[in-house]
Amino acid sequence: MHRKNQVGIGISIIVFSLIFLTLKLDCNETKEDIVRLKLKKKIISNNIKSLKVKENRLISKNRIEKIAKETLGMHSPLPESLIVFIND
């Protein structure tokens, strides 16, 4: 009877140890995932900032006017006088 209790206690300790180690490894893996995802988030944020700067450069008025003049042969119209008639 005493021997069965010792075996039962030994098996219980082994099972709980295995469960503890499994949880500990899962916890460490989750921490590594969090660090990896934070780094990925920072890289993506930097890419977004870079793309916004590029977008602002591409849509700048001076750049568009230069392309319109040099590539498309367009020009700015001369100012004109306008006369407005209002009929009552």
N, C-alpha and C. Protein backbone atom coordinates (compact mmCIF):
# COMPACT_ATOMS: atom_id res chain seq x y z
N MET A 1 0.81 -1.18 0.00
CA MET A 1 0.00 0.00 0.00
C MET A 1 0.87 1.26 0.00
N HIS A 2 1.91 1.23 0.79
CA HIS A 2 2.83 2.36 0.90
C HIS A 2 3.54 2.59 -0.44
N ARG A 3 3.85 1.53 -1.12
CA ARG A 3 4.54 1.60 -2.41
C ARG A 3 3.64 2.24 -3.46
N LYS A 4 2.35 1.93 -3.46
CA LYS A 4 1.40 2.50 -4.42
C LYS A 4 1.27 4.01 -4.21
N ASN A 5 1.27 4.44 -2.97
CA ASN A 5 1.18 5.87 -2.68
C ASN A 5 2.40 6.61 -3.20
N GLN A 6 3.57 6.01 -3.05
CA GLN A 6 4.80 6.64 -3.53
C GLN A 6 4.79 6.73 -5.06
N VAL A 7 4.33 5.68 -5.72
CA VAL A 7 4.25 5.69 -7.19
C VAL A 7 3.24 6.75 -7.63
N GLY A 8 2.09 6.82 -6.95
CA GLY A 8 1.07 7.83 -7.29
C GLY A 8 1.58 9.24 -7.11
N ILE A 9 2.29 9.48 -6.03
CA ILE A 9 2.86 10.81 -5.78
C ILE A 9 3.93 11.12 -6.82
N GLY A 10 4.75 10.15 -7.15
CA GLY A 10 5.80 10.34 -8.16
C GLY A 10 5.20 10.68 -9.52
N ILE A 11 4.17 9.95 -9.92
CA ILE A 11 3.52 10.20 -11.21
C ILE A 11 2.86 11.58 -11.21
N SER A 12 2.23 11.94 -10.09
CA SER A 12 1.60 13.26 -9.98
C SER A 12 2.63 14.38 -10.13
N ILE A 13 3.78 14.20 -9.48
CA ILE A 13 4.84 15.22 -9.56
C ILE A 13 5.34 15.33 -11.00
N ILE A 14 5.53 14.21 -11.66
CA ILE A 14 6.01 14.22 -13.05
C ILE A 14 4.98 14.90 -13.97
N VAL A 15 3.71 14.56 -13.79
CA VAL A 15 2.65 15.16 -14.63
C VAL A 15 2.60 16.67 -14.41
N PHE A 16 2.58 17.11 -13.14
CA PHE A 16 2.53 18.54 -12.86
C PHE A 16 3.78 19.25 -13.36
N SER A 17 4.93 18.58 -13.27
CA SER A 17 6.17 19.18 -13.78
C SER A 17 6.10 19.36 -15.29
N LEU A 18 5.58 18.36 -15.98
CA LEU A 18 5.44 18.46 -17.44
C LEU A 18 4.46 19.56 -17.82
N ILE A 19 3.36 19.67 -17.10
CA ILE A 19 2.39 20.74 -17.37
C ILE A 19 3.03 22.10 -17.13
N PHE A 20 3.76 22.23 -16.02
CA PHE A 20 4.42 23.49 -15.71
C PHE A 20 5.43 23.87 -16.79
N LEU A 21 6.26 22.91 -17.20
CA LEU A 21 7.27 23.20 -18.23
C LEU A 21 6.61 23.57 -19.56
N THR A 22 5.54 22.89 -19.90
CA THR A 22 4.83 23.21 -21.14
C THR A 22 4.29 24.63 -21.10
N LEU A 23 3.66 25.00 -19.97
CA LEU A 23 3.14 26.37 -19.83
C LEU A 23 4.26 27.40 -19.86
N LYS A 24 5.37 27.09 -19.22
CA LYS A 24 6.51 28.01 -19.19
C LYS A 24 7.06 28.23 -20.60
N LEU A 25 7.19 27.16 -21.38
CA LEU A 25 7.69 27.29 -22.75
C LEU A 25 6.70 28.07 -23.62
N ASP A 26 5.41 27.82 -23.43
CA ASP A 26 4.40 28.57 -24.17
C ASP A 26 4.46 30.05 -23.83
N CYS A 27 4.68 30.36 -22.57
CA CYS A 27 4.79 31.74 -22.12
C CYS A 27 6.00 32.42 -22.77
N ASN A 28 7.13 31.74 -22.78
CA ASN A 28 8.34 32.29 -23.40
C ASN A 28 8.13 32.50 -24.90
N GLU A 29 7.48 31.56 -25.53
CA GLU A 29 7.21 31.67 -26.97
C GLU A 29 6.29 32.86 -27.25
N THR A 30 5.31 33.07 -26.39
CA THR A 30 4.40 34.20 -26.54
C THR A 30 5.14 35.52 -26.36
N LYS A 31 6.04 35.58 -25.39
CA LYS A 31 6.85 36.79 -25.19
C LYS A 31 7.68 37.10 -26.42
N GLU A 32 8.28 36.08 -27.01
CA GLU A 32 9.08 36.26 -28.23
C GLU A 32 8.20 36.75 -29.38
N ASP A 33 7.00 36.21 -29.47
CA ASP A 33 6.06 36.65 -30.51
C ASP A 33 5.71 38.12 -30.33
N ILE A 34 5.50 38.53 -29.08
CA ILE A 34 5.17 39.93 -28.80
C ILE A 34 6.31 40.85 -29.23
N VAL A 35 7.53 40.48 -28.90
CA VAL A 35 8.70 41.29 -29.28
C VAL A 35 8.81 41.36 -30.81
N ARG A 36 8.63 40.22 -31.46
CA ARG A 36 8.72 40.16 -32.92
C ARG A 36 7.63 41.02 -33.57
N LEU A 37 6.41 40.98 -33.03
CA LEU A 37 5.31 41.76 -33.59
C LEU A 37 5.49 43.26 -33.34
N LYS A 38 6.07 43.62 -32.18
CA LYS A 38 6.34 45.03 -31.93
C LYS A 38 7.36 45.57 -32.92
N LEU A 39 8.38 44.77 -33.22
CA LEU A 39 9.38 45.18 -34.21
C LEU A 39 8.74 45.31 -35.58
N LYS A 40 7.89 44.37 -35.93
CA LYS A 40 7.21 44.42 -37.23
C LYS A 40 6.32 45.66 -37.31
N LYS A 41 5.64 45.99 -36.21
CA LYS A 41 4.78 47.17 -36.17
C LYS A 41 5.61 48.43 -36.39
N LYS A 42 6.79 48.51 -35.75
CA LYS A 42 7.65 49.68 -35.91
C LYS A 42 8.12 49.82 -37.35
N ILE A 43 8.47 48.71 -37.98
CA ILE A 43 8.91 48.73 -39.38
C ILE A 43 7.77 49.22 -40.27
N ILE A 44 6.57 48.72 -40.04
CA ILE A 44 5.42 49.13 -40.85
C ILE A 44 5.11 50.61 -40.62
N SER A 45 5.20 51.08 -39.39
CA SER A 45 4.97 52.50 -39.10
C SER A 45 5.98 53.38 -39.83
N ASN A 46 7.23 52.94 -39.85
CA ASN A 46 8.26 53.70 -40.57
C ASN A 46 7.98 53.71 -42.07
N ASN A 47 7.51 52.58 -42.60
CA ASN A 47 7.16 52.52 -44.02
C ASN A 47 6.00 53.46 -44.34
N ILE A 48 5.02 53.53 -43.45
CA ILE A 48 3.88 54.42 -43.65
C ILE A 48 4.35 55.87 -43.68
N LYS A 49 5.22 56.24 -42.73
CA LYS A 49 5.76 57.60 -42.70
C LYS A 49 6.50 57.92 -43.99
N SER A 50 7.32 56.98 -44.45
CA SER A 50 8.08 57.17 -45.67
C SER A 50 7.15 57.33 -46.88
N LEU A 51 6.11 56.53 -46.93
CA LEU A 51 5.16 56.62 -48.05
C LEU A 51 4.38 57.93 -48.02
N LYS A 52 4.06 58.43 -46.83
CA LYS A 52 3.36 59.72 -46.74
C LYS A 52 4.25 60.85 -47.24
N VAL A 53 5.53 60.81 -46.91
CA VAL A 53 6.47 61.82 -47.39
C VAL A 53 6.55 61.75 -48.92
N LYS A 54 6.64 60.54 -49.45
CA LYS A 54 6.71 60.35 -50.90
C LYS A 54 5.42 60.85 -51.56
N GLU A 55 4.28 60.55 -50.95
CA GLU A 55 2.99 61.01 -51.50
C GLU A 55 2.93 62.53 -51.54
N ASN A 56 3.34 63.17 -50.45
CA ASN A 56 3.33 64.64 -50.41
C ASN A 56 4.24 65.23 -51.48
N ARG A 57 5.37 64.60 -51.69
CA ARG A 57 6.30 65.08 -52.72
C ARG A 57 5.67 64.92 -54.11
N LEU A 58 5.00 63.79 -54.33
CA LEU A 58 4.42 63.51 -55.64
C LEU A 58 3.22 64.42 -55.95
N ILE A 59 2.45 64.81 -54.93
CA ILE A 59 1.27 65.63 -55.20
C ILE A 59 1.52 67.13 -55.00
N SER A 60 2.79 67.50 -54.87
CA SER A 60 3.08 68.92 -54.66
C SER A 60 2.70 69.73 -55.91
N LYS A 61 2.23 70.93 -55.66
CA LYS A 61 1.78 71.81 -56.74
C LYS A 61 2.92 72.11 -57.73
N ASN A 62 4.11 72.39 -57.21
CA ASN A 62 5.25 72.71 -58.08
C ASN A 62 5.60 71.55 -59.01
N ARG A 63 5.58 70.34 -58.48
CA ARG A 63 5.90 69.17 -59.30
C ARG A 63 4.86 68.98 -60.40
N ILE A 64 3.59 69.11 -60.05
CA ILE A 64 2.52 68.93 -61.04
C ILE A 64 2.60 70.01 -62.11
N GLU A 65 2.85 71.26 -61.71
CA GLU A 65 2.98 72.33 -62.70
C GLU A 65 4.17 72.09 -63.63
N LYS A 66 5.27 71.62 -63.08
CA LYS A 66 6.46 71.34 -63.90
C LYS A 66 6.16 70.24 -64.91
N ILE A 67 5.51 69.17 -64.50
CA ILE A 67 5.17 68.09 -65.42
C ILE A 67 4.20 68.58 -66.49
N ALA A 68 3.22 69.39 -66.07
CA ALA A 68 2.23 69.92 -67.03
C ALA A 68 2.92 70.76 -68.09
N LYS A 69 3.87 71.59 -67.69
CA LYS A 69 4.57 72.46 -68.65
C LYS A 69 5.54 71.68 -69.52
N GLU A 70 6.42 70.89 -68.90
CA GLU A 70 7.50 70.24 -69.64
C GLU A 70 7.06 69.01 -70.42
N THR A 71 6.22 68.19 -69.83
CA THR A 71 5.85 66.93 -70.47
C THR A 71 4.61 67.08 -71.33
N LEU A 72 3.61 67.79 -70.83
CA LEU A 72 2.34 67.88 -71.54
C LEU A 72 2.19 69.14 -72.38
N GLY A 73 3.15 70.05 -72.27
CA GLY A 73 3.11 71.28 -73.07
C GLY A 73 2.02 72.25 -72.64
N MET A 74 1.57 72.17 -71.44
CA MET A 74 0.52 73.06 -70.96
C MET A 74 1.14 74.35 -70.44
N HIS A 75 0.32 75.36 -70.31
CA HIS A 75 0.79 76.63 -69.76
C HIS A 75 -0.30 77.25 -68.90
N SER A 76 0.10 78.17 -68.05
CA SER A 76 -0.87 78.86 -67.20
C SER A 76 -1.58 79.93 -68.04
N PRO A 77 -2.89 80.03 -67.96
CA PRO A 77 -3.60 81.05 -68.74
C PRO A 77 -3.31 82.44 -68.19
N LEU A 78 -3.37 83.42 -69.10
CA LEU A 78 -3.19 84.80 -68.68
C LEU A 78 -4.45 85.26 -67.95
N PRO A 79 -4.29 86.16 -67.00
CA PRO A 79 -5.47 86.65 -66.29
C PRO A 79 -6.39 87.42 -67.24
N GLU A 80 -7.68 87.28 -67.07
CA GLU A 80 -8.66 87.96 -67.91
C GLU A 80 -9.60 88.77 -67.05
N SER A 81 -10.15 89.81 -67.66
CA SER A 81 -11.19 90.59 -66.98
C SER A 81 -12.52 89.93 -67.25
N LEU A 82 -13.34 89.86 -66.25
CA LEU A 82 -14.67 89.28 -66.40
C LEU A 82 -15.72 90.35 -66.10
N ILE A 83 -16.75 90.33 -66.90
CA ILE A 83 -17.86 91.24 -66.68
C ILE A 83 -19.07 90.36 -66.32
N VAL A 84 -19.70 90.72 -65.25
CA VAL A 84 -20.84 89.95 -64.79
C VAL A 84 -22.09 90.83 -64.89
N PHE A 85 -23.12 90.32 -65.57
CA PHE A 85 -24.40 91.03 -65.71
C PHE A 85 -25.40 90.37 -64.78
N ILE A 86 -26.10 91.20 -64.01
CA ILE A 86 -27.14 90.68 -63.12
C ILE A 86 -28.45 91.30 -63.59
N ASN A 87 -29.37 90.46 -64.04
CA ASN A 87 -30.69 90.93 -64.47
C ASN A 87 -31.69 90.74 -63.34
N ASP A 88 -32.42 91.79 -63.05
CA ASP A 88 -33.47 91.70 -62.01
C ASP A 88 -34.77 91.30 -62.61
